[in-house]
ModelCIF file with pLDDT and N, C-alpha, C, O atoms, coordinates in Angstrom:
data_MODEL
#
_entry.id   MODEL 
#
_entity.id                         1 
_entity.type                       polymer 
_entity.pdbx_number_of_molecules   1 
#
_entity_poly.entity_id                      1 
_entity_poly.type                           'polypeptide(L)' 
_entity_poly.nstd_linkage                   no 
_entity_poly.nstd_monomer                   no 
_entity_poly.pdbx_seq_one_letter_code       ITLELGCGKGEYSVALAEKYPNRNFIGIDIKGARM 
_entity_poly.pdbx_seq_one_letter_code_can   ITLELGCGKGEYSVALAEKYPNRNFIGIDIKGARM 
_entity_poly.pdbx_strand_id                 A 
#
loop_
_entity_poly_seq.entity_id 
_entity_poly_seq.num 
_entity_poly_seq.mon_id 
_entity_poly_seq.hetero 
1 1  ILE n 
1 2  THR n 
1 3  LEU n 
1 4  GLU n 
1 5  LEU n 
1 6  GLY n 
1 7  CYS n 
1 8  GLY n 
1 9  LYS n 
1 10 GLY n 
1 11 GLU n 
1 12 TYR n 
1 13 SER n 
1 14 VAL n 
1 15 ALA n 
1 16 LEU n 
1 17 ALA n 
1 18 GLU n 
1 19 LYS n 
1 20 TYR n 
1 21 PRO n 
1 22 ASN n 
1 23 ARG n 
1 24 ASN n 
1 25 PHE n 
1 26 ILE n 
1 27 GLY n 
1 28 ILE n 
1 29 ASP n 
1 30 ILE n 
1 31 LYS n 
1 32 GLY n 
1 33 ALA n 
1 34 ARG n 
1 35 MET n 
#
_struct_asym.id          A 
_struct_asym.entity_id   1 
#
loop_
_ma_qa_metric.id 
_ma_qa_metric.mode 
_ma_qa_metric.name 
_ma_qa_metric.software_group_id 
_ma_qa_metric.type 
1 global pLDDT . pLDDT 
2 local  pLDDT . pLDDT 
#
_ma_qa_metric_global.metric_id      1 
_ma_qa_metric_global.metric_value   93.89 
_ma_qa_metric_global.model_id       1 
_ma_qa_metric_global.ordinal_id     1 
#
loop_
_ma_qa_metric_local.label_asym_id 
_ma_qa_metric_local.label_comp_id 
_ma_qa_metric_local.label_seq_id 
_ma_qa_metric_local.metric_id 
_ma_qa_metric_local.metric_value 
_ma_qa_metric_local.model_id 
_ma_qa_metric_local.ordinal_id 
A ILE 1  2 98.00 1 1  
A THR 2  2 98.00 1 2  
A LEU 3  2 98.00 1 3  
A GLU 4  2 97.00 1 4  
A LEU 5  2 97.00 1 5  
A GLY 6  2 94.00 1 6  
A CYS 7  2 94.00 1 7  
A GLY 8  2 91.00 1 8  
A LYS 9  2 91.00 1 9  
A GLY 10 2 93.00 1 10 
A GLU 11 2 92.00 1 11 
A TYR 12 2 93.00 1 12 
A SER 13 2 96.00 1 13 
A VAL 14 2 96.00 1 14 
A ALA 15 2 94.00 1 15 
A LEU 16 2 95.00 1 16 
A ALA 17 2 96.00 1 17 
A GLU 18 2 95.00 1 18 
A LYS 19 2 93.00 1 19 
A TYR 20 2 94.00 1 20 
A PRO 21 2 96.00 1 21 
A ASN 22 2 97.00 1 22 
A ARG 23 2 97.00 1 23 
A ASN 24 2 98.00 1 24 
A PHE 25 2 98.00 1 25 
A ILE 26 2 98.00 1 26 
A GLY 27 2 97.00 1 27 
A ILE 28 2 97.00 1 28 
A ASP 29 2 95.00 1 29 
A ILE 30 2 93.00 1 30 
A LYS 31 2 86.00 1 31 
A GLY 32 2 82.00 1 32 
A ALA 33 2 81.00 1 33 
A ARG 34 2 86.00 1 34 
A MET 35 2 90.00 1 35 
#
loop_
_atom_site.group_PDB 
_atom_site.id 
_atom_site.type_symbol 
_atom_site.label_atom_id 
_atom_site.label_alt_id 
_atom_site.label_comp_id 
_atom_site.label_asym_id 
_atom_site.label_entity_id 
_atom_site.label_seq_id 
_atom_site.pdbx_PDB_ins_code 
_atom_site.Cartn_x 
_atom_site.Cartn_y 
_atom_site.Cartn_z 
_atom_site.occupancy 
_atom_site.B_iso_or_equiv 
_atom_site.pdbx_formal_charge 
_atom_site.auth_seq_id 
_atom_site.auth_comp_id 
_atom_site.auth_asym_id 
_atom_site.auth_atom_id 
_atom_site.pdbx_PDB_model_num 
ATOM 1   N N  . ILE A 1 1  ? 94.211  96.393  97.990  1.00 98.00 ? 1  ILE A N  1 
ATOM 2   C CA . ILE A 1 1  ? 93.183  97.385  98.322  1.00 98.00 ? 1  ILE A CA 1 
ATOM 3   C C  . ILE A 1 1  ? 92.927  97.402  99.822  1.00 98.00 ? 1  ILE A C  1 
ATOM 4   O O  . ILE A 1 1  ? 92.768  96.353  100.447 1.00 98.00 ? 1  ILE A O  1 
ATOM 5   N N  . THR A 1 2  ? 92.887  98.590  100.388 1.00 98.00 ? 2  THR A N  1 
ATOM 6   C CA . THR A 1 2  ? 92.552  98.795  101.795 1.00 98.00 ? 2  THR A CA 1 
ATOM 7   C C  . THR A 1 2  ? 91.261  99.580  101.895 1.00 98.00 ? 2  THR A C  1 
ATOM 8   O O  . THR A 1 2  ? 91.065  100.555 101.170 1.00 98.00 ? 2  THR A O  1 
ATOM 9   N N  . LEU A 1 3  ? 90.377  99.161  102.792 1.00 98.00 ? 3  LEU A N  1 
ATOM 10  C CA . LEU A 1 3  ? 89.129  99.884  103.044 1.00 98.00 ? 3  LEU A CA 1 
ATOM 11  C C  . LEU A 1 3  ? 89.235  100.668 104.345 1.00 98.00 ? 3  LEU A C  1 
ATOM 12  O O  . LEU A 1 3  ? 89.851  100.208 105.306 1.00 98.00 ? 3  LEU A O  1 
ATOM 13  N N  . GLU A 1 4  ? 88.629  101.856 104.372 1.00 97.00 ? 4  GLU A N  1 
ATOM 14  C CA . GLU A 1 4  ? 88.387  102.554 105.628 1.00 97.00 ? 4  GLU A CA 1 
ATOM 15  C C  . GLU A 1 4  ? 86.883  102.601 105.816 1.00 97.00 ? 4  GLU A C  1 
ATOM 16  O O  . GLU A 1 4  ? 86.182  103.255 105.044 1.00 97.00 ? 4  GLU A O  1 
ATOM 17  N N  . LEU A 1 5  ? 86.382  101.920 106.829 1.00 97.00 ? 5  LEU A N  1 
ATOM 18  C CA . LEU A 1 5  ? 84.942  101.826 107.064 1.00 97.00 ? 5  LEU A CA 1 
ATOM 19  C C  . LEU A 1 5  ? 84.487  102.926 108.011 1.00 97.00 ? 5  LEU A C  1 
ATOM 20  O O  . LEU A 1 5  ? 85.118  103.175 109.038 1.00 97.00 ? 5  LEU A O  1 
ATOM 21  N N  . GLY A 1 6  ? 83.383  103.584 107.656 1.00 94.00 ? 6  GLY A N  1 
ATOM 22  C CA . GLY A 1 6  ? 82.937  104.734 108.428 1.00 94.00 ? 6  GLY A CA 1 
ATOM 23  C C  . GLY A 1 6  ? 83.957  105.846 108.322 1.00 94.00 ? 6  GLY A C  1 
ATOM 24  O O  . GLY A 1 6  ? 84.381  106.407 109.333 1.00 94.00 ? 6  GLY A O  1 
ATOM 25  N N  . CYS A 1 7  ? 84.355  106.169 107.092 1.00 94.00 ? 7  CYS A N  1 
ATOM 26  C CA . CYS A 1 7  ? 85.510  107.044 106.869 1.00 94.00 ? 7  CYS A CA 1 
ATOM 27  C C  . CYS A 1 7  ? 85.238  108.512 107.189 1.00 94.00 ? 7  CYS A C  1 
ATOM 28  O O  . CYS A 1 7  ? 86.176  109.306 107.249 1.00 94.00 ? 7  CYS A O  1 
ATOM 29  N N  . GLY A 1 8  ? 83.971  108.892 107.396 1.00 91.00 ? 8  GLY A N  1 
ATOM 30  C CA . GLY A 1 8  ? 83.667  110.276 107.729 1.00 91.00 ? 8  GLY A CA 1 
ATOM 31  C C  . GLY A 1 8  ? 84.123  111.242 106.658 1.00 91.00 ? 8  GLY A C  1 
ATOM 32  O O  . GLY A 1 8  ? 83.710  111.130 105.504 1.00 91.00 ? 8  GLY A O  1 
ATOM 33  N N  . LYS A 1 9  ? 84.964  112.183 107.022 1.00 91.00 ? 9  LYS A N  1 
ATOM 34  C CA . LYS A 1 9  ? 85.462  113.183 106.080 1.00 91.00 ? 9  LYS A CA 1 
ATOM 35  C C  . LYS A 1 9  ? 86.475  112.592 105.092 1.00 91.00 ? 9  LYS A C  1 
ATOM 36  O O  . LYS A 1 9  ? 86.838  113.236 104.109 1.00 91.00 ? 9  LYS A O  1 
ATOM 37  N N  . GLY A 1 10 ? 86.921  111.375 105.359 1.00 93.00 ? 10 GLY A N  1 
ATOM 38  C CA . GLY A 1 10 ? 87.820  110.705 104.432 1.00 93.00 ? 10 GLY A CA 1 
ATOM 39  C C  . GLY A 1 10 ? 89.272  111.116 104.525 1.00 93.00 ? 10 GLY A C  1 
ATOM 40  O O  . GLY A 1 10 ? 90.077  110.748 103.670 1.00 93.00 ? 10 GLY A O  1 
ATOM 41  N N  . GLU A 1 11 ? 89.625  111.891 105.571 1.00 92.00 ? 11 GLU A N  1 
ATOM 42  C CA . GLU A 1 11 ? 90.999  112.396 105.628 1.00 92.00 ? 11 GLU A CA 1 
ATOM 43  C C  . GLU A 1 11 ? 92.016  111.296 105.881 1.00 92.00 ? 11 GLU A C  1 
ATOM 44  O O  . GLU A 1 11 ? 93.166  111.411 105.456 1.00 92.00 ? 11 GLU A O  1 
ATOM 45  N N  . TYR A 1 12 ? 91.611  110.229 106.567 1.00 93.00 ? 12 TYR A N  1 
ATOM 46  C CA . TYR A 1 12 ? 92.547  109.133 106.823 1.00 93.00 ? 12 TYR A CA 1 
ATOM 47  C C  . TYR A 1 12 ? 92.849  108.384 105.526 1.00 93.00 ? 12 TYR A C  1 
ATOM 48  O O  . TYR A 1 12 ? 94.002  108.053 105.247 1.00 93.00 ? 12 TYR A O  1 
ATOM 49  N N  . SER A 1 13 ? 91.802  108.118 104.734 1.00 96.00 ? 13 SER A N  1 
ATOM 50  C CA . SER A 1 13 ? 91.995  107.442 103.451 1.00 96.00 ? 13 SER A CA 1 
ATOM 51  C C  . SER A 1 13 ? 92.870  108.268 102.520 1.00 96.00 ? 13 SER A C  1 
ATOM 52  O O  . SER A 1 13 ? 93.742  107.729 101.839 1.00 96.00 ? 13 SER A O  1 
ATOM 53  N N  . VAL A 1 14 ? 92.638  109.569 102.492 1.00 96.00 ? 14 VAL A N  1 
ATOM 54  C CA . VAL A 1 14 ? 93.431  110.451 101.633 1.00 96.00 ? 14 VAL A CA 1 
ATOM 55  C C  . VAL A 1 14 ? 94.896  110.448 102.066 1.00 96.00 ? 14 VAL A C  1 
ATOM 56  O O  . VAL A 1 14 ? 95.795  110.370 101.229 1.00 96.00 ? 14 VAL A O  1 
ATOM 57  N N  . ALA A 1 15 ? 95.129  110.532 103.367 1.00 94.00 ? 15 ALA A N  1 
ATOM 58  C CA . ALA A 1 15 ? 96.503  110.535 103.874 1.00 94.00 ? 15 ALA A CA 1 
ATOM 59  C C  . ALA A 1 15 ? 97.213  109.221 103.565 1.00 94.00 ? 15 ALA A C  1 
ATOM 60  O O  . ALA A 1 15 ? 98.392  109.220 103.212 1.00 94.00 ? 15 ALA A O  1 
ATOM 61  N N  . LEU A 1 16 ? 96.503  108.108 103.694 1.00 95.00 ? 16 LEU A N  1 
ATOM 62  C CA . LEU A 1 16 ? 97.091  106.810 103.363 1.00 95.00 ? 16 LEU A CA 1 
ATOM 63  C C  . LEU A 1 16 ? 97.407  106.712 101.874 1.00 95.00 ? 16 LEU A C  1 
ATOM 64  O O  . LEU A 1 16 ? 98.451  106.187 101.486 1.00 95.00 ? 16 LEU A O  1 
ATOM 65  N N  . ALA A 1 17 ? 96.497  107.222 101.042 1.00 96.00 ? 17 ALA A N  1 
ATOM 66  C CA . ALA A 1 17 ? 96.712  107.181 99.590  1.00 96.00 ? 17 ALA A CA 1 
ATOM 67  C C  . ALA A 1 17 ? 97.940  107.996 99.194  1.00 96.00 ? 17 ALA A C  1 
ATOM 68  O O  . ALA A 1 17 ? 98.689  107.603 98.299  1.00 96.00 ? 17 ALA A O  1 
ATOM 69  N N  . GLU A 1 18 ? 98.143  109.132 99.863  1.00 95.00 ? 18 GLU A N  1 
ATOM 70  C CA . GLU A 1 18 ? 99.329  109.953 99.589  1.00 95.00 ? 18 GLU A CA 1 
ATOM 71  C C  . GLU A 1 18 ? 100.598 109.257 100.056 1.00 95.00 ? 18 GLU A C  1 
ATOM 72  O O  . GLU A 1 18 ? 101.625 109.302 99.379  1.00 95.00 ? 18 GLU A O  1 
ATOM 73  N N  . LYS A 1 19 ? 100.526 108.626 101.196 1.00 93.00 ? 19 LYS A N  1 
ATOM 74  C CA . LYS A 1 19 ? 101.698 108.006 101.811 1.00 93.00 ? 19 LYS A CA 1 
ATOM 75  C C  . LYS A 1 19 ? 102.107 106.725 101.092 1.00 93.00 ? 19 LYS A C  1 
ATOM 76  O O  . LYS A 1 19 ? 103.290 106.394 101.027 1.00 93.00 ? 19 LYS A O  1 
ATOM 77  N N  . TYR A 1 20 ? 101.121 106.006 100.551 1.00 94.00 ? 20 TYR A N  1 
ATOM 78  C CA . TYR A 1 20 ? 101.404 104.707 99.920  1.00 94.00 ? 20 TYR A CA 1 
ATOM 79  C C  . TYR A 1 20 ? 100.843 104.677 98.495  1.00 94.00 ? 20 TYR A C  1 
ATOM 80  O O  . TYR A 1 20 ? 99.768  104.119 98.271  1.00 94.00 ? 20 TYR A O  1 
ATOM 81  N N  . PRO A 1 21 ? 101.546 105.261 97.542  1.00 96.00 ? 21 PRO A N  1 
ATOM 82  C CA . PRO A 1 21 ? 101.057 105.315 96.155  1.00 96.00 ? 21 PRO A CA 1 
ATOM 83  C C  . PRO A 1 21 ? 100.961 103.955 95.479  1.00 96.00 ? 21 PRO A C  1 
ATOM 84  O O  . PRO A 1 21 ? 100.293 103.821 94.454  1.00 96.00 ? 21 PRO A O  1 
ATOM 85  N N  . ASN A 1 22 ? 101.616 102.949 96.035  1.00 97.00 ? 22 ASN A N  1 
ATOM 86  C CA . ASN A 1 22 ? 101.566 101.609 95.439  1.00 97.00 ? 22 ASN A CA 1 
ATOM 87  C C  . ASN A 1 22 ? 100.498 100.721 96.085  1.00 97.00 ? 22 ASN A C  1 
ATOM 88  O O  . ASN A 1 22 ? 100.502 99.503  95.910  1.00 97.00 ? 22 ASN A O  1 
ATOM 89  N N  . ARG A 1 23 ? 99.589  101.344 96.830  1.00 97.00 ? 23 ARG A N  1 
ATOM 90  C CA . ARG A 1 23 ? 98.427  100.645 97.363  1.00 97.00 ? 23 ARG A CA 1 
ATOM 91  C C  . ARG A 1 23 ? 97.177  101.409 96.950  1.00 97.00 ? 23 ARG A C  1 
ATOM 92  O O  . ARG A 1 23 ? 97.250  102.593 96.621  1.00 97.00 ? 23 ARG A O  1 
ATOM 93  N N  . ASN A 1 24 ? 96.044  100.744 96.964  1.00 98.00 ? 24 ASN A N  1 
ATOM 94  C CA . ASN A 1 24 ? 94.779  101.372 96.627  1.00 98.00 ? 24 ASN A CA 1 
ATOM 95  C C  . ASN A 1 24 ? 93.908  101.487 97.881  1.00 98.00 ? 24 ASN A C  1 
ATOM 96  O O  . ASN A 1 24 ? 93.980  100.645 98.777  1.00 98.00 ? 24 ASN A O  1 
ATOM 97  N N  . PHE A 1 25 ? 93.088  102.537 97.931  1.00 98.00 ? 25 PHE A N  1 
ATOM 98  C CA . PHE A 1 25 ? 92.277  102.792 99.116  1.00 98.00 ? 25 PHE A CA 1 
ATOM 99  C C  . PHE A 1 25 ? 90.848  103.176 98.740  1.00 98.00 ? 25 PHE A C  1 
ATOM 100 O O  . PHE A 1 25 ? 90.609  103.881 97.760  1.00 98.00 ? 25 PHE A O  1 
ATOM 101 N N  . ILE A 1 26 ? 89.909  102.691 99.549  1.00 98.00 ? 26 ILE A N  1 
ATOM 102 C CA . ILE A 1 26 ? 88.496  103.022 99.344  1.00 98.00 ? 26 ILE A CA 1 
ATOM 103 C C  . ILE A 1 26 ? 87.897  103.447 100.675 1.00 98.00 ? 26 ILE A C  1 
ATOM 104 O O  . ILE A 1 26 ? 87.875  102.673 101.632 1.00 98.00 ? 26 ILE A O  1 
ATOM 105 N N  . GLY A 1 27 ? 87.410  104.680 100.729 1.00 97.00 ? 27 GLY A N  1 
ATOM 106 C CA . GLY A 1 27 ? 86.719  105.169 101.914 1.00 97.00 ? 27 GLY A CA 1 
ATOM 107 C C  . GLY A 1 27 ? 85.229  104.883 101.789 1.00 97.00 ? 27 GLY A C  1 
ATOM 108 O O  . GLY A 1 27 ? 84.623  105.142 100.749 1.00 97.00 ? 27 GLY A O  1 
ATOM 109 N N  . ILE A 1 28 ? 84.646  104.350 102.850 1.00 97.00 ? 28 ILE A N  1 
ATOM 110 C CA . ILE A 1 28 ? 83.241  103.954 102.803 1.00 97.00 ? 28 ILE A CA 1 
ATOM 111 C C  . ILE A 1 28 ? 82.461  104.615 103.933 1.00 97.00 ? 28 ILE A C  1 
ATOM 112 O O  . ILE A 1 28 ? 82.878  104.586 105.091 1.00 97.00 ? 28 ILE A O  1 
ATOM 113 N N  . ASP A 1 29 ? 81.337  105.206 103.585 1.00 95.00 ? 29 ASP A N  1 
ATOM 114 C CA . ASP A 1 29 ? 80.444  105.812 104.567 1.00 95.00 ? 29 ASP A CA 1 
ATOM 115 C C  . ASP A 1 29 ? 79.070  105.925 103.911 1.00 95.00 ? 29 ASP A C  1 
ATOM 116 O O  . ASP A 1 29 ? 78.943  105.789 102.695 1.00 95.00 ? 29 ASP A O  1 
ATOM 117 N N  . ILE A 1 30 ? 78.052  106.172 104.716 1.00 93.00 ? 30 ILE A N  1 
ATOM 118 C CA . ILE A 1 30 ? 76.699  106.327 104.180 1.00 93.00 ? 30 ILE A CA 1 
ATOM 119 C C  . ILE A 1 30 ? 76.373  107.789 103.932 1.00 93.00 ? 30 ILE A C  1 
ATOM 120 O O  . ILE A 1 30 ? 75.413  108.094 103.224 1.00 93.00 ? 30 ILE A O  1 
ATOM 121 N N  . LYS A 1 31 ? 77.163  108.708 104.510 1.00 86.00 ? 31 LYS A N  1 
ATOM 122 C CA . LYS A 1 31 ? 76.871  110.138 104.412 1.00 86.00 ? 31 LYS A CA 1 
ATOM 123 C C  . LYS A 1 31 ? 77.779  110.805 103.381 1.00 86.00 ? 31 LYS A C  1 
ATOM 124 O O  . LYS A 1 31 ? 78.958  111.061 103.626 1.00 86.00 ? 31 LYS A O  1 
ATOM 125 N N  . GLY A 1 32 ? 77.183  111.075 102.218 1.00 82.00 ? 32 GLY A N  1 
ATOM 126 C CA . GLY A 1 32 ? 77.954  111.660 101.129 1.00 82.00 ? 32 GLY A CA 1 
ATOM 127 C C  . GLY A 1 32 ? 78.444  113.061 101.410 1.00 82.00 ? 32 GLY A C  1 
ATOM 128 O O  . GLY A 1 32 ? 79.571  113.403 101.053 1.00 82.00 ? 32 GLY A O  1 
ATOM 129 N N  . ALA A 1 33 ? 77.605  113.895 102.055 1.00 81.00 ? 33 ALA A N  1 
ATOM 130 C CA . ALA A 1 33 ? 78.007  115.274 102.346 1.00 81.00 ? 33 ALA A CA 1 
ATOM 131 C C  . ALA A 1 33 ? 79.231  115.309 103.254 1.00 81.00 ? 33 ALA A C  1 
ATOM 132 O O  . ALA A 1 33 ? 80.033  116.242 103.203 1.00 81.00 ? 33 ALA A O  1 
ATOM 133 N N  . ARG A 1 34 ? 79.360  114.276 104.084 1.00 86.00 ? 34 ARG A N  1 
ATOM 134 C CA . ARG A 1 34 ? 80.517  114.196 104.978 1.00 86.00 ? 34 ARG A CA 1 
ATOM 135 C C  . ARG A 1 34 ? 81.764  113.787 104.202 1.00 86.00 ? 34 ARG A C  1 
ATOM 136 O O  . ARG A 1 34 ? 82.839  114.344 104.430 1.00 86.00 ? 34 ARG A O  1 
ATOM 137 N N  . MET A 1 35 ? 81.640  112.827 103.292 1.00 90.00 ? 35 MET A N  1 
ATOM 138 C CA . MET A 1 35 ? 82.787  112.349 102.520 1.00 90.00 ? 35 MET A CA 1 
ATOM 139 C C  . MET A 1 35 ? 83.244  113.344 101.461 1.00 90.00 ? 35 MET A C  1 
ATOM 140 O O  . MET A 1 35 ? 84.201  113.076 100.734 1.00 90.00 ? 35 MET A O  1 
#
């Protein structure tokens, strides 16, 4: 599992998840409307 802290819009986590299907990813932020 990989975390992205302060992920904002979450585009980095999404891109990593697409690129590496054999890994898991969790985007973390306090602002839900942004994520």
